[in-house]
Each structure stands twice: as structure tokens, then as C-alpha cells.
Amino acid sequence: MKKKIYQNVVANHFREHSSIYLFVIVLFLMGVIFGAVVVNSLSLTQKEDLFYYLTQFFGQVATGEVASPGDLFQQSLFHNSKFIGLIWLLGISIIGLPVILILLFIKGMVVGFTVGFLVNQMGWHGFLLSFVSVLPQNLIIIPIFIVAATLAVALSLKMIKRQFMKKIGSPILPLFGGYMIAFAAAIICLGAAAGVEAFVSPTLMKTVIESVI
């Protein structure tokens, strides 16, 4: 019975906010595409400098000179938690709506640039490296960011309607409580993503680097 209730709540949530989810996903994908396109606008010198630092990093990965898994876990969790925390804060502020969308676009742009640069410089090997270094943790991180951004946008829009359009809707306090719980769950999930980034991705990267470089 509890499982069925939970499924109904989730289904109702996605149905109610389907238009926001669609907009947020399209915006993120636009960021990914823009990031990949930016790679082609870099000068040859810029590409060579970036690739030099990249090969230095790959060399460190191959020799095991990168930070310890524990340090990587803490850095990843702290970085992503800051991002989620900023989205949470912007969601409860009426003026934060456009900044949420900008942050999500930038996140997509970073992912697109990283993958695009690796593929541009290393071809198939670059795609394989991006597959093992970028994809594993982002399979968890990206959906979390999309859900978090959608929740923040939805709450911000409801606050704007109540404040400026004088529309009476659902009470804000229960919505805020659910908002807090959702973001707490998001941070827990980011812990799982940090674990993948710290303990799984470096091993996969080392295996691929040793075989292609």
C-alpha cells in the first residue's frame, strides 16, 4: 500500500510539472550542445595548451599520482552539494528563478565542452575516455540536478504567483517541507555519485589510459 501511494505521489509530481521538466531538460541539452560547439571556436594555441594539461593529468592518473579516493570523494560531494545548495537557496527566493536556469545551462555546457574537447583532440579514444571519466557519476548527478532545478523553479513560480498575482493556491509551508526533504534526499544521492567518481571512475580511467596512450 505504501509503495502504491509513493508511486502515485511521484506520478502526480511528474504529471503536474511535466512542462517544467521538459523546459529544464531542453535547456540542459542546449548547454551540452553549446559547450561542444565552443570547442570548435578555440584557437589552435588554446587547444594545445588545454591538451598539454590534460595529458599531464592522464599521466598522473596512469601512475596513481592523483588524490586519494577519500579526498576525491570529499571534493566531489562538497562541490556538488554547493551547487545543489545554491539551487535550493535560489528556489526559495523570488529573484532566483533566472539564475537557476543559467546555472543548469552552465552545467550542461561544462559537460558538453569536456566531452567535445576529448573527442576533438583524441577521436575515438577521447570518446572512450569521456565515457569512463564523465558518464558514470553524471548518470546520477545530471538527473539529480534536473529534478532539483525543476523543484526550485516550481516553488519559485508558486511564490511569484502568490506574491504578485495574488493567487491563492496550496499553502507554502507544506510545499517548503517537501522541498527540504527532496533536497536532503538529493544530497544523499550525490554521496553515491561522489563514491562512483572517487572509487570507480579513476580505476576505469587508468585502465583505458594504459590501453590507448
Protein backbone atom coordinates (compact mmCIF):
# COMPACT_ATOMS: atom_id res chain seq x y z
CA MET A 1 0.00 0.00 0.00
CA LYS A 2 2.80 2.43 0.93
CA LYS A 3 4.61 1.60 -2.31
CA LYS A 4 1.46 2.32 -4.33
CA ILE A 5 0.94 5.64 -2.54
CA TYR A 6 4.54 6.59 -3.19
CA GLN A 7 4.21 5.70 -6.87
CA ASN A 8 1.05 7.82 -7.12
CA VAL A 9 2.78 10.79 -5.50
CA VAL A 10 5.73 10.51 -7.89
CA ALA A 11 3.45 10.09 -10.92
CA ASN A 12 1.36 13.10 -9.89
CA HIS A 13 4.50 15.16 -9.36
CA PHE A 14 5.85 14.42 -12.85
CA ARG A 15 2.45 14.98 -14.40
CA GLU A 16 1.97 18.31 -12.63
CA HIS A 17 5.43 19.60 -13.53
CA SER A 18 5.88 17.93 -16.92
CA SER A 19 6.16 21.26 -18.77
CA ILE A 20 8.87 22.49 -16.39
CA TYR A 21 10.76 19.20 -16.70
CA LEU A 22 10.62 19.46 -20.49
CA PHE A 23 11.89 23.04 -20.43
CA VAL A 24 14.70 22.23 -17.97
CA ILE A 25 15.84 19.16 -19.92
CA VAL A 26 15.85 21.08 -23.21
CA LEU A 27 17.80 23.90 -21.57
CA PHE A 28 20.37 21.46 -20.22
CA LEU A 29 20.74 19.79 -23.63
CA MET A 30 21.18 23.22 -25.22
CA GLY A 31 24.01 23.81 -22.74
CA VAL A 32 25.62 20.50 -23.71
CA ILE A 33 25.39 21.37 -27.42
CA PHE A 34 26.72 24.89 -26.83
CA GLY A 35 29.65 23.51 -24.83
CA ALA A 36 30.52 21.10 -27.63
CA VAL A 37 30.30 23.92 -30.21
CA VAL A 38 32.56 26.19 -28.12
CA VAL A 39 35.37 23.64 -28.54
CA ASN A 40 35.50 24.43 -32.27
CA SER A 41 35.81 28.15 -31.56
CA LEU A 42 39.04 27.71 -29.58
CA SER A 43 42.26 28.74 -31.26
CA LEU A 44 44.93 26.17 -32.02
CA THR A 45 47.14 27.55 -29.22
CA GLN A 46 44.32 27.29 -26.68
CA LYS A 47 43.61 23.71 -27.73
CA GLU A 48 47.29 22.79 -27.49
CA ASP A 49 47.60 24.34 -24.02
CA LEU A 50 44.48 22.57 -22.75
CA PHE A 51 45.56 19.26 -24.26
CA TYR A 52 49.00 19.62 -22.65
CA TYR A 53 47.45 19.96 -19.18
CA LEU A 54 45.10 17.12 -19.99
CA THR A 55 47.94 14.76 -20.94
CA GLN A 56 49.74 15.75 -17.74
CA PHE A 57 46.64 14.77 -15.78
CA PHE A 58 46.31 11.48 -17.67
CA GLY A 59 49.94 10.74 -16.86
CA GLN A 60 49.25 11.28 -13.18
CA VAL A 61 46.21 9.00 -13.35
CA ALA A 62 48.24 6.27 -15.06
CA THR A 63 50.94 6.43 -12.37
CA GLY A 64 48.48 6.71 -9.50
CA GLU A 65 49.59 10.22 -8.52
CA VAL A 66 46.09 11.70 -8.25
CA ALA A 67 44.43 12.46 -4.93
CA SER A 68 43.35 9.57 -2.72
CA PRO A 69 39.83 8.18 -3.17
CA GLY A 70 38.83 9.66 0.18
CA ASP A 71 39.94 13.15 -0.86
CA LEU A 72 38.24 12.79 -4.24
CA PHE A 73 35.03 11.70 -2.52
CA GLN A 74 35.06 14.73 -0.21
CA GLN A 75 35.86 17.15 -3.05
CA SER A 76 33.14 15.76 -5.31
CA LEU A 77 30.48 15.70 -2.58
CA PHE A 78 31.39 19.21 -1.41
CA HIS A 79 31.40 20.66 -4.94
CA ASN A 80 28.07 19.11 -5.96
CA SER A 81 26.46 19.85 -2.59
CA LYS A 82 27.40 23.54 -3.00
CA PHE A 83 25.74 23.53 -6.42
CA ILE A 84 22.58 21.89 -5.07
CA GLY A 85 22.60 24.18 -2.05
CA LEU A 86 22.76 27.24 -4.29
CA ILE A 87 19.82 25.97 -6.35
CA TRP A 88 17.89 25.32 -3.10
CA LEU A 89 18.58 28.85 -1.90
CA LEU A 90 17.61 30.40 -5.23
CA GLY A 91 14.40 28.36 -5.26
CA ILE A 92 13.13 29.98 -2.07
CA SER A 93 13.98 33.47 -3.34
CA ILE A 94 11.68 35.07 -5.87
CA ILE A 95 14.53 36.69 -7.81
CA GLY A 96 16.49 33.44 -8.10
CA LEU A 97 14.48 31.89 -10.95
CA PRO A 98 16.63 33.09 -13.90
CA VAL A 99 19.86 32.25 -12.04
CA ILE A 100 18.69 28.63 -11.57
CA LEU A 101 18.24 28.29 -15.32
CA ILE A 102 21.62 29.90 -16.02
CA LEU A 103 23.37 27.52 -13.61
CA LEU A 104 21.76 24.50 -15.25
CA PHE A 105 22.77 25.76 -18.70
CA ILE A 106 26.36 26.24 -17.49
CA LYS A 107 26.39 22.71 -16.03
CA GLY A 108 25.31 21.33 -19.40
CA MET A 109 27.91 23.48 -21.15
CA VAL A 110 30.71 22.11 -18.94
CA VAL A 111 29.69 18.51 -19.71
CA GLY A 112 29.41 19.26 -23.43
CA PHE A 113 32.76 21.06 -23.53
CA THR A 114 34.56 18.26 -21.66
CA VAL A 115 33.25 15.51 -23.93
CA GLY A 116 33.59 17.67 -27.06
CA PHE A 117 37.20 18.58 -26.31
CA LEU A 118 38.24 14.99 -25.63
CA VAL A 119 36.60 13.78 -28.84
CA ASN A 120 38.00 16.71 -30.83
CA GLN A 121 41.57 16.05 -29.70
CA MET A 122 41.64 12.27 -29.38
CA GLY A 123 38.85 10.96 -31.61
CA TRP A 124 37.53 7.54 -30.64
CA HIS A 125 39.99 7.29 -27.72
CA GLY A 126 38.69 10.61 -26.42
CA PHE A 127 35.12 9.34 -26.62
CA LEU A 128 36.13 6.22 -24.68
CA LEU A 129 37.88 8.32 -22.03
CA SER A 130 34.88 10.62 -21.66
CA PHE A 131 32.66 7.54 -21.40
CA VAL A 132 34.57 6.21 -18.37
CA SER A 133 35.53 9.54 -16.75
CA VAL A 134 32.44 11.71 -17.27
CA LEU A 135 29.49 9.37 -17.76
CA PRO A 136 29.46 7.09 -14.64
CA GLN A 137 28.93 9.77 -11.96
CA ASN A 138 26.89 12.00 -14.25
CA LEU A 139 24.33 9.25 -14.73
CA ILE A 140 23.42 10.07 -11.13
CA ILE A 141 24.36 13.76 -10.92
CA ILE A 142 22.55 15.06 -14.02
CA PRO A 143 19.09 13.61 -13.15
CA ILE A 144 19.50 14.98 -9.60
CA PHE A 145 20.32 18.45 -10.91
CA ILE A 146 17.39 18.34 -13.34
CA VAL A 147 14.93 17.30 -10.61
CA ALA A 148 16.40 19.86 -8.19
CA ALA A 149 16.19 22.66 -10.76
CA THR A 150 12.60 21.69 -11.59
CA LEU A 151 11.57 21.72 -7.92
CA ALA A 152 13.29 25.06 -7.38
CA VAL A 153 11.67 26.60 -10.47
CA ALA A 154 8.24 25.24 -9.49
CA LEU A 155 8.48 26.63 -5.94
CA SER A 156 9.79 29.97 -7.18
CA LEU A 157 6.92 30.25 -9.69
CA LYS A 158 4.35 29.48 -6.98
CA MET A 159 5.87 32.13 -4.73
CA ILE A 160 5.80 34.67 -7.60
CA LYS A 161 2.11 33.91 -8.29
CA ARG A 162 1.21 34.32 -4.62
CA GLN A 163 3.25 37.49 -4.23
CA PHE A 164 2.49 39.41 -7.41
CA MET A 165 -0.62 37.83 -8.92
CA LYS A 166 -2.38 37.39 -5.58
CA LYS A 167 -3.37 33.84 -6.49
CA ILE A 168 -4.47 31.58 -3.65
CA GLY A 169 -3.03 28.11 -4.07
CA SER A 170 -1.67 25.37 -1.88
CA PRO A 171 -0.19 26.54 1.44
CA ILE A 172 3.53 27.32 1.10
CA LEU A 173 4.63 25.66 4.36
CA PRO A 174 3.83 22.03 3.34
CA LEU A 175 5.40 22.71 -0.07
CA PHE A 176 8.50 24.06 1.63
CA GLY A 177 8.67 20.96 3.86
CA GLY A 178 8.57 18.66 0.84
CA TYR A 179 11.15 20.89 -0.84
CA MET A 180 13.54 20.46 2.11
CA ILE A 181 13.07 16.67 2.16
CA ALA A 182 13.66 16.40 -1.61
CA PHE A 183 16.92 18.33 -1.41
CA ALA A 184 18.11 16.31 1.59
CA ALA A 185 17.48 13.15 -0.46
CA ALA A 186 19.35 14.77 -3.37
CA ILE A 187 22.45 15.28 -1.22
CA ILE A 188 22.33 11.62 -0.15
CA CYS A 189 22.19 10.59 -3.82
CA LEU A 190 25.10 12.93 -4.54
CA GLY A 191 27.04 10.95 -1.96
CA ALA A 192 26.53 7.87 -4.14
CA ALA A 193 27.70 9.84 -7.19
CA ALA A 194 30.78 11.02 -5.28
CA GLY A 195 31.53 7.40 -4.41
CA VAL A 196 31.40 6.45 -8.09
CA GLU A 197 33.60 9.41 -9.04
CA ALA A 198 36.15 8.63 -6.32
CA PHE A 199 36.33 4.84 -6.42
CA VAL A 200 35.06 3.70 -9.84
CA SER A 201 35.95 6.37 -12.42
CA PRO A 202 39.71 6.59 -11.60
CA THR A 203 40.08 2.82 -11.98
CA LEU A 204 38.23 2.84 -15.30
CA MET A 205 40.26 5.83 -16.49
CA LYS A 206 43.54 4.19 -15.56
CA THR A 207 42.57 1.03 -17.47
CA VAL A 208 41.61 3.00 -20.58
CA ILE A 209 44.63 5.33 -20.43
CA GLU A 210 47.04 2.41 -20.15
CA SER A 211 45.46 0.78 -23.20
CA VAL A 212 45.22 3.84 -25.50
CA ILE A 213 48.07 6.13 -24.53
